[in-house]
Protein backbone atom coordinates (compact mmCIF):
# COMPACT_ATOMS: atom_id res chain seq x y z
CA MET A 1 78.56 113.87 110.67
CA ARG A 2 80.56 110.96 112.05
CA GLN A 3 82.58 113.32 114.27
CA ASN A 4 79.33 114.60 115.79
CA LYS A 5 78.39 111.01 116.59
CA TYR A 6 81.55 110.57 118.62
CA LYS A 7 81.02 113.88 120.41
CA PHE A 8 77.59 112.60 121.42
CA ILE A 9 79.16 109.36 122.68
CA TYR A 10 81.68 111.35 124.75
CA LEU A 11 78.91 113.39 126.35
CA LEU A 12 76.75 110.32 126.96
CA THR A 13 79.71 108.57 128.62
CA GLY A 14 80.28 111.56 130.87
CA LEU A 15 76.60 111.76 131.80
CA LEU A 16 76.49 108.06 132.65
CA PHE A 17 79.70 107.91 134.67
CA LEU A 18 79.85 111.36 136.30
CA THR A 19 76.25 111.75 137.50
CA PRO A 20 73.85 109.79 139.73
CA ALA A 21 73.04 107.67 136.65
CA ARG A 22 76.22 105.73 137.44
CA ALA A 23 74.25 103.82 140.10
CA ALA A 24 73.10 101.42 137.38
CA ILE A 25 76.42 101.25 135.50
CA ILE A 26 78.21 98.85 137.83
CA LEU A 27 75.48 96.23 137.35
CA ILE A 28 75.71 96.34 133.54
CA LEU A 29 79.51 96.32 133.19
CA PRO A 30 79.55 93.42 130.67
CA LEU A 31 77.19 95.44 128.45
CA ILE A 32 79.48 98.49 128.76
CA LEU A 33 82.44 96.34 127.67
CA PHE A 34 80.41 95.14 124.67
CA ILE A 35 79.59 98.75 123.68
CA ILE A 36 83.23 99.83 123.99
CA ASN A 37 84.24 96.90 121.80
CA ARG A 38 81.62 98.03 119.29
CA TYR A 39 83.28 101.41 118.78
CA ILE A 40 86.91 100.46 119.46
CA PRO A 41 87.45 96.78 118.52
CA LEU A 42 89.65 95.22 121.19
CA GLU A 43 92.06 92.33 121.50
CA TYR A 44 92.80 90.88 124.93
CA ASN A 45 95.97 89.70 126.63
CA LYS A 46 95.65 85.94 126.09
CA SER A 47 97.97 85.02 128.97
CA VAL A 48 95.92 86.94 131.53
CA VAL A 49 92.56 85.87 130.09
CA ARG A 50 93.48 82.16 130.03
CA ALA A 51 94.85 82.26 133.58
CA PHE A 52 91.81 84.19 134.79
CA ILE A 53 89.29 81.77 133.23
CA ALA A 54 91.14 78.67 134.47
CA ILE A 55 91.52 79.92 138.06
CA VAL A 56 87.97 81.25 138.21
CA ILE A 57 86.55 77.87 137.17
CA VAL A 58 88.75 75.84 139.52
CA SER A 59 88.35 78.30 142.41
CA GLY A 60 84.60 78.48 141.99
CA ILE A 61 84.02 74.73 141.86
CA TYR A 62 86.37 73.93 144.74
CA ASN A 63 85.24 76.71 147.08
CA MET A 64 81.53 76.18 146.49
CA ILE A 65 81.99 72.49 147.34
CA ALA A 66 84.05 73.49 150.40
CA GLY A 67 81.37 75.98 151.46
CA ASN A 68 83.69 79.00 151.29
CA THR A 69 81.50 80.84 148.79
CA SER A 70 78.06 80.39 147.26
CA THR A 71 76.47 80.79 143.85
CA PRO A 72 75.16 84.38 144.33
CA TYR A 73 78.54 85.72 145.48
CA TYR A 74 80.38 83.75 142.81
CA LEU A 75 78.19 84.88 139.91
CA LEU A 76 77.95 88.52 140.98
CA SER A 77 81.71 88.68 141.51
CA LEU A 78 82.35 87.30 138.01
CA TRP A 79 79.78 89.69 136.57
CA LEU A 80 81.77 92.61 137.98
CA VAL A 81 85.35 91.36 137.77
CA THR A 82 85.40 89.75 134.30
CA PRO A 83 84.76 92.89 132.18
CA THR A 84 87.16 94.85 134.40
CA VAL A 85 90.03 92.37 133.94
CA PHE A 86 89.35 92.02 130.20
CA LEU A 87 89.33 95.79 129.60
CA LEU A 88 92.38 96.41 131.81
CA PHE A 89 94.43 93.98 129.72
CA SER A 90 93.19 94.93 126.26
CA ASN A 91 94.43 96.95 123.29
CA PRO A 92 92.64 98.29 120.21
CA LYS A 93 92.86 95.91 117.23
CA ARG A 94 93.03 98.93 114.98
CA TYR A 95 92.87 102.65 115.57
CA ILE A 96 89.71 104.71 115.10
CA PRO A 97 90.86 108.12 113.75
CA GLN A 98 87.79 110.00 115.01
CA ILE A 99 88.42 109.06 118.66
CA SER A 100 91.10 111.00 120.53
CA LEU A 101 92.01 111.57 124.16
CA ASP A 102 92.04 115.37 123.85
CA ASP A 103 88.50 115.40 122.44
CA PHE A 104 87.16 113.05 125.10
CA MET A 105 88.72 114.90 128.04
CA GLY A 106 87.69 118.27 126.62
CA LYS A 107 84.04 117.34 126.07
CA THR A 108 83.52 115.53 129.38
CA LEU A 109 85.37 118.18 131.41
CA TRP A 110 82.36 120.49 131.29
CA ILE A 111 80.17 117.79 132.79
CA LEU A 112 82.69 117.40 135.62
CA TYR A 113 82.78 121.18 136.12
CA THR A 114 78.98 121.19 136.42
CA ILE A 115 79.03 118.35 138.97
CA ASP A 116 81.75 120.10 140.99
CA LEU A 117 79.83 123.39 140.87
CA ILE A 118 76.66 121.69 142.14
CA GLY A 119 78.74 120.14 144.90
CA LEU A 120 80.23 123.51 145.86
CA TYR A 121 76.76 125.03 146.07
CA TYR A 122 75.47 122.28 148.38
CA ARG A 123 78.61 122.29 150.49
CA LEU A 124 78.30 126.03 151.08
CA LYS A 125 74.57 125.69 151.72
CA GLU A 126 74.57 122.61 153.97
CA GLY A 127 78.06 122.89 155.43
CA GLY A 128 78.87 119.17 155.40
CA GLN A 129 81.98 117.95 153.58
CA ASP A 130 80.09 115.03 152.00
CA GLU A 131 77.66 117.46 150.37
CA PHE A 132 80.28 118.21 147.72
CA GLY A 133 79.37 114.88 146.12
CA THR A 134 75.64 115.69 145.77
CA GLY A 135 75.73 116.17 142.01
CA TYR A 136 77.85 113.05 141.58
CA GLY A 137 75.39 110.79 143.40
CA ARG A 138 75.44 109.04 146.77
CA HIS A 139 76.23 105.60 145.39
CA TYR A 140 79.20 103.37 146.18
CA GLU A 141 82.16 105.58 147.18
CA TYR A 142 80.18 108.84 146.84
CA VAL A 143 82.30 111.98 147.33
CA HIS A 144 85.58 110.05 147.46
CA GLY A 145 84.76 108.61 144.05
CA LEU A 146 84.38 112.17 142.78
CA ALA A 147 87.83 112.88 144.24
CA ILE A 148 89.28 110.05 142.12
CA ILE A 149 87.62 111.44 138.97
CA ASN A 150 89.00 114.92 139.63
CA VAL A 151 92.50 113.47 140.04
CA LEU A 152 92.25 111.73 136.64
CA TYR A 153 91.55 115.11 135.05
CA ALA A 154 94.08 116.96 137.22
CA LEU A 155 96.85 114.59 136.11
CA TYR A 156 95.83 115.18 132.49
CA PHE A 157 96.29 118.93 132.90
CA LEU A 158 99.46 118.49 134.96
CA ASN A 159 100.85 116.48 132.07
CA SER A 160 99.87 119.25 129.65
CA VAL A 161 101.61 121.86 131.80
CA LEU A 162 104.78 119.76 132.05
CA LYS A 163 104.77 119.24 128.28
CA ARG A 164 104.19 123.00 127.81
CA LYS A 165 100.93 122.37 125.96
CA GLN A 166 98.39 125.24 126.27
CA THR A 167 100.21 126.13 129.47
CA TRP A 168 98.00 128.92 130.86
CA LYS A 169 94.70 127.21 130.08
CA SER A 170 96.02 123.95 131.45
CA LEU A 171 97.24 125.68 134.63
CA VAL A 172 93.79 127.13 135.28
CA LYS A 173 92.10 123.77 134.66
CA LEU A 174 94.69 122.04 136.84
CA PHE A 175 93.96 124.46 139.68
CA ILE A 176 90.18 123.94 139.37
CA THR A 177 90.38 120.14 139.41
CA ILE A 178 92.88 120.08 142.28
CA ALA A 179 90.65 122.48 144.24
CA ALA A 180 87.67 120.19 143.60
CA PHE A 181 89.74 117.20 144.72
CA ALA A 182 90.63 119.03 147.94
CA LEU A 183 86.97 119.89 148.58
CA CYS A 184 86.15 116.17 148.50
CA ASP A 185 88.11 115.81 151.77
CA TYR A 186 89.54 112.46 150.76
CA GLY A 187 92.36 112.12 153.30
CA LEU A 188 93.53 108.74 152.02
CA GLY A 189 93.39 110.19 148.50
CA TYR A 190 96.06 112.76 149.41
CA ILE A 191 98.36 109.94 150.47
CA ILE A 192 97.63 107.92 147.32
CA LEU A 193 98.29 110.93 145.09
CA PHE A 194 101.58 111.78 146.84
CA VAL A 195 102.80 108.19 146.69
CA SER A 196 101.80 107.91 143.02
CA LEU A 197 103.59 111.09 142.00
CA ILE A 198 106.74 110.05 143.86
CA ILE A 199 106.71 106.65 142.11
CA TRP A 200 106.12 108.37 138.76
CA LEU A 201 109.01 110.80 139.31
CA LEU A 202 111.37 108.08 140.54
CA ALA A 203 110.53 105.95 137.50
CA LYS A 204 111.37 108.92 135.28
CA LYS A 205 114.51 109.58 137.37
CA GLN A 206 113.35 113.13 138.14
CA PHE A 207 115.05 113.22 141.52
CA LYS A 208 114.97 117.01 141.85
CA TYR A 209 111.16 116.94 141.81
CA VAL A 210 111.07 114.16 144.40
CA PHE A 211 113.10 116.45 146.65
CA PHE A 212 110.56 119.22 146.00
CA ILE A 213 107.68 116.93 147.00
CA ALA A 214 109.62 115.90 150.12
CA LEU A 215 109.84 119.59 151.03
CA LEU A 216 106.08 119.93 150.57
CA ILE A 217 105.47 116.95 152.85
CA ALA A 218 107.84 118.43 155.43
CA GLY A 219 105.95 121.72 155.15
CA GLY A 220 102.66 119.89 155.69
CA ALA A 221 104.09 118.19 158.78
CA PHE A 222 105.16 121.60 160.10
CA MET A 223 101.67 123.02 159.49
CA LEU A 224 100.22 120.26 161.66
CA THR A 225 102.11 121.75 164.59
CA LEU A 226 100.20 125.04 164.29
CA ASP A 227 97.22 125.80 166.56
CA SER A 228 94.75 125.78 163.66
CA PHE A 229 95.47 122.07 163.11
CA GLU A 230 94.84 121.00 166.70
CA TYR A 231 91.88 118.80 165.64
CA GLU A 232 93.98 116.91 163.06
CA ARG A 233 96.79 116.47 165.60
CA GLU A 234 94.37 114.96 168.08
CA ASN A 235 93.07 112.50 165.48
CA ILE A 236 96.59 111.38 164.56
CA TYR A 237 97.45 110.95 168.24
CA ASN A 238 94.30 108.90 168.87
CA ALA A 239 94.84 106.68 165.84
CA ARG A 240 98.43 106.01 166.89
CA ASN A 241 97.52 105.11 170.45
CA ASN A 242 94.35 103.09 169.77
CA GLN A 243 95.42 100.49 167.24
CA GLY A 244 92.39 98.36 168.08
CA ASP A 245 90.38 100.71 165.86
CA ALA A 246 92.82 100.67 162.94
CA ARG A 247 90.54 98.54 160.80
CA LYS A 248 92.44 98.84 157.54
CA VAL A 249 95.74 97.98 159.23
CA ILE A 250 94.17 94.93 160.88
CA MET A 251 92.78 93.83 157.50
CA PHE A 252 96.29 93.86 156.00
CA LEU A 253 97.76 92.06 159.01
CA ASN A 254 95.04 89.40 158.81
CA THR A 255 96.11 88.46 155.28
CA ARG A 256 98.87 86.16 156.53
CA ASN A 257 96.43 84.43 158.89
CA VAL A 258 93.94 83.82 156.09
CA GLU A 259 96.60 82.49 153.71
CA SER A 260 97.81 80.05 156.37
CA GLU A 261 94.33 78.60 157.01
CA SER A 262 94.67 76.14 154.11
CA PHE A 263 97.31 75.30 151.50
CA THR A 264 94.65 75.77 148.80
CA ILE A 265 94.07 79.47 149.55
CA PRO A 266 97.36 80.71 148.00
CA LEU A 267 96.55 78.55 144.95
CA VAL A 268 92.85 79.17 144.27
CA GLY A 269 91.80 81.57 147.03
CA THR A 270 88.67 81.40 149.13
CA GLY A 271 86.46 81.81 146.08
CA PRO A 272 85.15 84.83 144.12
CA GLY A 273 82.99 87.08 146.28
CA SER A 274 83.92 85.45 149.57
CA TYR A 275 86.16 87.90 151.46
CA ASN A 276 85.96 91.68 151.07
CA SER A 277 85.20 92.45 147.43
CA ARG A 278 82.50 94.67 145.91
CA ALA A 279 80.16 91.70 145.39
CA LEU A 280 79.98 91.21 149.16
CA VAL A 281 79.18 94.86 149.75
CA LEU A 282 76.35 94.80 147.20
CA ILE A 283 74.79 91.67 148.70
CA LEU A 284 75.41 92.21 152.42
CA SER A 285 74.54 95.90 152.64
CA LYS A 286 71.08 96.19 154.20
CA ASN A 287 70.42 99.19 151.96
CA SER A 288 70.97 97.06 148.86
CA PRO A 289 67.97 95.44 147.10
CA LEU A 290 70.14 92.34 146.70
CA TYR A 291 70.33 91.86 150.48
CA SER A 292 66.84 90.42 150.95
CA PHE A 293 66.94 88.62 147.62
CA PHE A 294 70.05 86.64 148.59
CA ASP A 295 69.21 86.44 152.33
CA GLY A 296 72.48 88.22 153.20
CA GLN A 297 74.27 85.07 154.37
CA TYR A 298 77.91 85.59 155.36
CA PRO A 299 80.72 83.58 153.73
CA PRO A 300 82.87 81.97 156.48
CA TYR A 301 86.15 83.83 155.85
CA TYR A 302 84.37 87.15 155.60
CA TYR A 303 82.49 86.42 158.83
CA LYS A 304 85.69 85.45 160.65
CA TYR A 305 88.07 88.19 159.50
CA ILE A 306 86.17 91.12 157.96
CA TYR A 307 82.78 91.22 159.65
CA PRO A 308 84.27 91.93 163.12
CA LEU A 309 85.93 95.03 161.65
CA TRP A 310 82.48 96.40 160.80
CA ASN A 311 80.81 95.26 164.03
CA GLU A 312 79.83 98.30 166.13
CA ARG A 313 80.86 96.48 169.31
CA PHE A 314 84.39 96.41 167.93
CA VAL A 315 84.60 99.68 166.02
CA SER A 316 84.43 102.90 167.99
CA GLN A 317 82.59 105.93 166.70
CA ASP A 318 85.55 108.27 167.12
CA ASP A 319 86.21 110.69 164.28
CA TYR A 320 89.60 109.27 163.44
CA THR A 321 88.15 105.85 162.49
CA ASP A 322 85.66 107.11 159.95
CA GLY A 323 86.03 107.51 156.19
CA THR A 324 87.63 105.26 153.60
CA ARG A 325 91.05 105.66 155.20
CA ASN A 326 89.98 103.16 157.86
CA GLN A 327 87.52 100.89 156.04
CA PRO A 328 88.73 97.27 155.65
CA PHE A 329 88.82 97.39 151.86
CA SER A 330 91.60 96.74 149.36
CA SER A 331 91.30 95.53 145.77
CA ALA A 332 94.75 93.96 146.05
CA ILE A 333 93.79 92.00 149.18
CA ALA A 334 90.43 90.98 147.71
CA LEU A 335 92.15 89.63 144.58
CA ALA A 336 94.90 87.81 146.52
CA ILE A 337 92.51 86.20 149.02
CA GLU A 338 89.48 85.47 146.84
CA TYR A 339 91.31 84.35 143.67
CA GLY A 340 94.65 83.23 145.12
CA LEU A 341 98.21 84.48 144.93
CA ILE A 342 98.82 82.96 141.48
CA LEU A 343 96.25 85.15 139.73
CA PHE A 344 97.25 88.11 141.92
CA LEU A 345 100.88 87.81 140.78
CA ILE A 346 99.86 87.40 137.13
CA VAL A 347 97.69 90.52 137.23
CA ALA A 348 100.38 92.50 139.09
CA TYR A 349 103.12 91.39 136.68
CA PHE A 350 101.28 92.34 133.49
CA TRP A 351 99.92 95.60 134.90
CA ILE A 352 103.37 96.71 136.06
CA LYS A 353 104.78 95.59 132.70
CA GLU A 354 102.25 97.87 130.99
CA ILE A 355 103.23 100.77 133.25
CA ARG A 356 106.92 100.26 132.47
CA LYS A 357 106.11 100.39 128.76
CA TYR A 358 104.27 103.69 129.21
CA ASN A 359 107.18 104.99 131.27
CA GLN A 360 109.57 104.35 128.39
CA GLU A 361 107.25 105.77 125.73
CA GLY A 362 106.36 108.71 127.97
CA LYS A 363 109.83 110.18 127.54
CA GLN A 364 108.81 111.11 124.00
CA ASP A 365 105.02 111.22 124.06
CA GLU A 366 102.64 113.11 126.38
CA VAL A 367 99.76 110.64 125.92
CA ALA A 368 101.94 107.70 127.00
CA ASP A 369 103.19 109.76 129.95
CA TYR A 370 99.61 110.52 131.00
CA LEU A 371 98.71 106.82 130.77
CA ASN A 372 101.77 106.15 132.90
CA MET A 373 100.55 108.64 135.51
CA ILE A 374 96.98 107.37 135.82
CA ASN A 375 97.95 103.69 135.78
CA ILE A 376 100.40 104.24 138.64
CA PHE A 377 97.75 106.24 140.50
CA MET A 378 95.04 103.58 140.11
CA LEU A 379 97.44 100.75 140.95
CA VAL A 380 98.37 102.46 144.23
CA ALA A 381 94.70 103.30 144.89
CA CYS A 382 93.72 99.64 144.47
CA CYS A 383 96.28 98.66 147.10
CA PHE A 384 94.83 101.07 149.66
CA HIS A 385 91.12 100.64 148.94
CA GLU A 386 88.53 98.70 146.92
CA TRP A 387 88.57 100.75 143.72
CA ALA A 388 88.88 97.99 141.09
CA ILE A 389 85.15 97.24 141.03
CA CYS A 390 83.83 100.79 140.95
CA THR A 391 82.47 103.07 138.27
CA GLU A 392 85.56 105.26 138.80
CA PHE A 393 87.88 102.41 137.86
CA PHE A 394 85.87 101.56 134.75
CA TYR A 395 85.94 105.24 133.77
CA PHE A 396 89.72 105.12 134.17
CA LEU A 397 89.75 102.07 131.86
CA ILE A 398 87.69 103.95 129.26
CA ILE A 399 90.16 106.85 129.38
CA SER A 400 93.05 104.38 129.06
CA THR A 401 91.44 102.66 126.06
CA ILE A 402 90.91 106.00 124.31
CA GLY A 403 94.50 106.92 125.17
CA LYS A 404 95.77 103.67 123.61
CA ASN A 405 93.75 104.44 120.49
CA THR A 406 95.30 107.93 120.38
CA LEU A 407 98.80 106.43 120.65
CA MET A 408 98.06 104.19 117.66
CA ILE A 409 96.90 107.21 115.64
CA LYS A 410 100.10 109.09 116.46
CA GLU A 411 102.24 106.08 115.56
CA GLU A 412 100.46 105.76 112.21
CA ASN A 413 100.91 109.48 111.51
CA ALA A 414 104.62 109.18 112.34
CA HIS A 415 104.96 106.30 109.87
CA GLU A 416 103.21 108.33 107.18
CA ILE A 417 105.62 111.24 107.72
CA GLN A 418 108.61 108.90 107.45
CA LYS A 419 107.32 107.61 104.13
C-alpha cells in the first residue's frame, strides 16, 4: 500500500514538472521544498545556508538604500533562489527505503515519452522546430527546457549502458531520449553536453573516450564543410564577423565593468533581482501578469548593461542571433553580480566539492556516477545560461535528492551484509 503511494507521488511529480502544469511550479518553489522535506527529511549545509542568509540580508538592505534594487525584485528573487540553494546543498537525514532512483526514473519516463510523442506529432504537422515543445508547455525556456529534461534521462541510460545494466533496453531508451534531445534543436545544449561529457571523462581519467569525442567533434566540423550545411556555415560566418550582435559574449565581457563600478559589488553584489536573473524576467516581461502589478521599472545596472542587449535598435533580427545561445543570460553571472563574488565562490566551492565526492564514489557505484554526470552537466549549463531558477533545475534537484536517498539505502544494505 505504501509503495503505491510513492508510485503516485512519482507520477504526480512527473505530471507537474513535465507538462504545461509546470507554469505554476516556479512560483510555489518554497512549497515544493516543504513537500520534499515531508517525504524525505533533509538537513542543509550549514556553511552555505549561513553565508547565504547573511549576504542576502546585508545585500538587500544596502542595495535597496542605494537604489540598486527594489522590494519587488528583492522578494521575488529570494522566493525563487532560497529553496533552490537550500535543496542544492541538502542531504537526507535518514533514508526512506520505499524511494529509489530506478523507480522514479522508470515511472516518470513514460510521461516524458508521451510529451516527446506529442511534440513529434506537432513538429511533423506544423513544421516548426519549436513545435516539439508543445506538450511540454510554452513557459519559461519552452522547447530548450524539454531538451534539458531529455538529457537528464539520456545520461541515466548512458550510465546504465556503461555499467552493463539492462544493456539492450537501456540502449533503446538512450537512443529515444537522445533523438528527442536532438529534435529540440538546442544548439547551445549540444555544446553544454559535449563539454560536460569531456569534463566527466577527464575527471574519471578516461582519456581514450575523450579522444573518441574529439574525433566526433572533428567529424562534425568536417560535415559543416558539406553543401547540405551551407546554411549553418553562413550563420557561423555571420556570427564571427558581426560581434556587435554577440549578446551573450558581450554580457560576459561586461562583468568586469560592472564589478569595477563600486568596491561593494564584489562583496555584496548589486542586490537580489537587480541584474539578469529570473526574477527580472518574470517582472519585466510584458507578457507576465507581474509586469503591470510592479510597473516594470528597470533596476539601474540592468538598464545600463543588460537592457541594451535586448533593445531591438541594438539587436539585429538575423537568424544567427536568435535562440538561447545568444540571449544575455547566465546563472553564474547573475549570482556573481547580484549577490557578490563571496557568495558565488562559496556556492561554486561546495558544489564542485560535491561533484568531486560523486566522482570518487562513482568508481564503485552507478548511482553516484550518475549524480556526478548530471551535476557536471547542470553546473556547465548554469554557466552558459540562466537555468538555476527554472523548473528544469528544480527537477534535477529532485532527481539528485532521490539519488542521494538511494545511495544511503545501498550503504545501509552493504553494512548489513558485512554484519
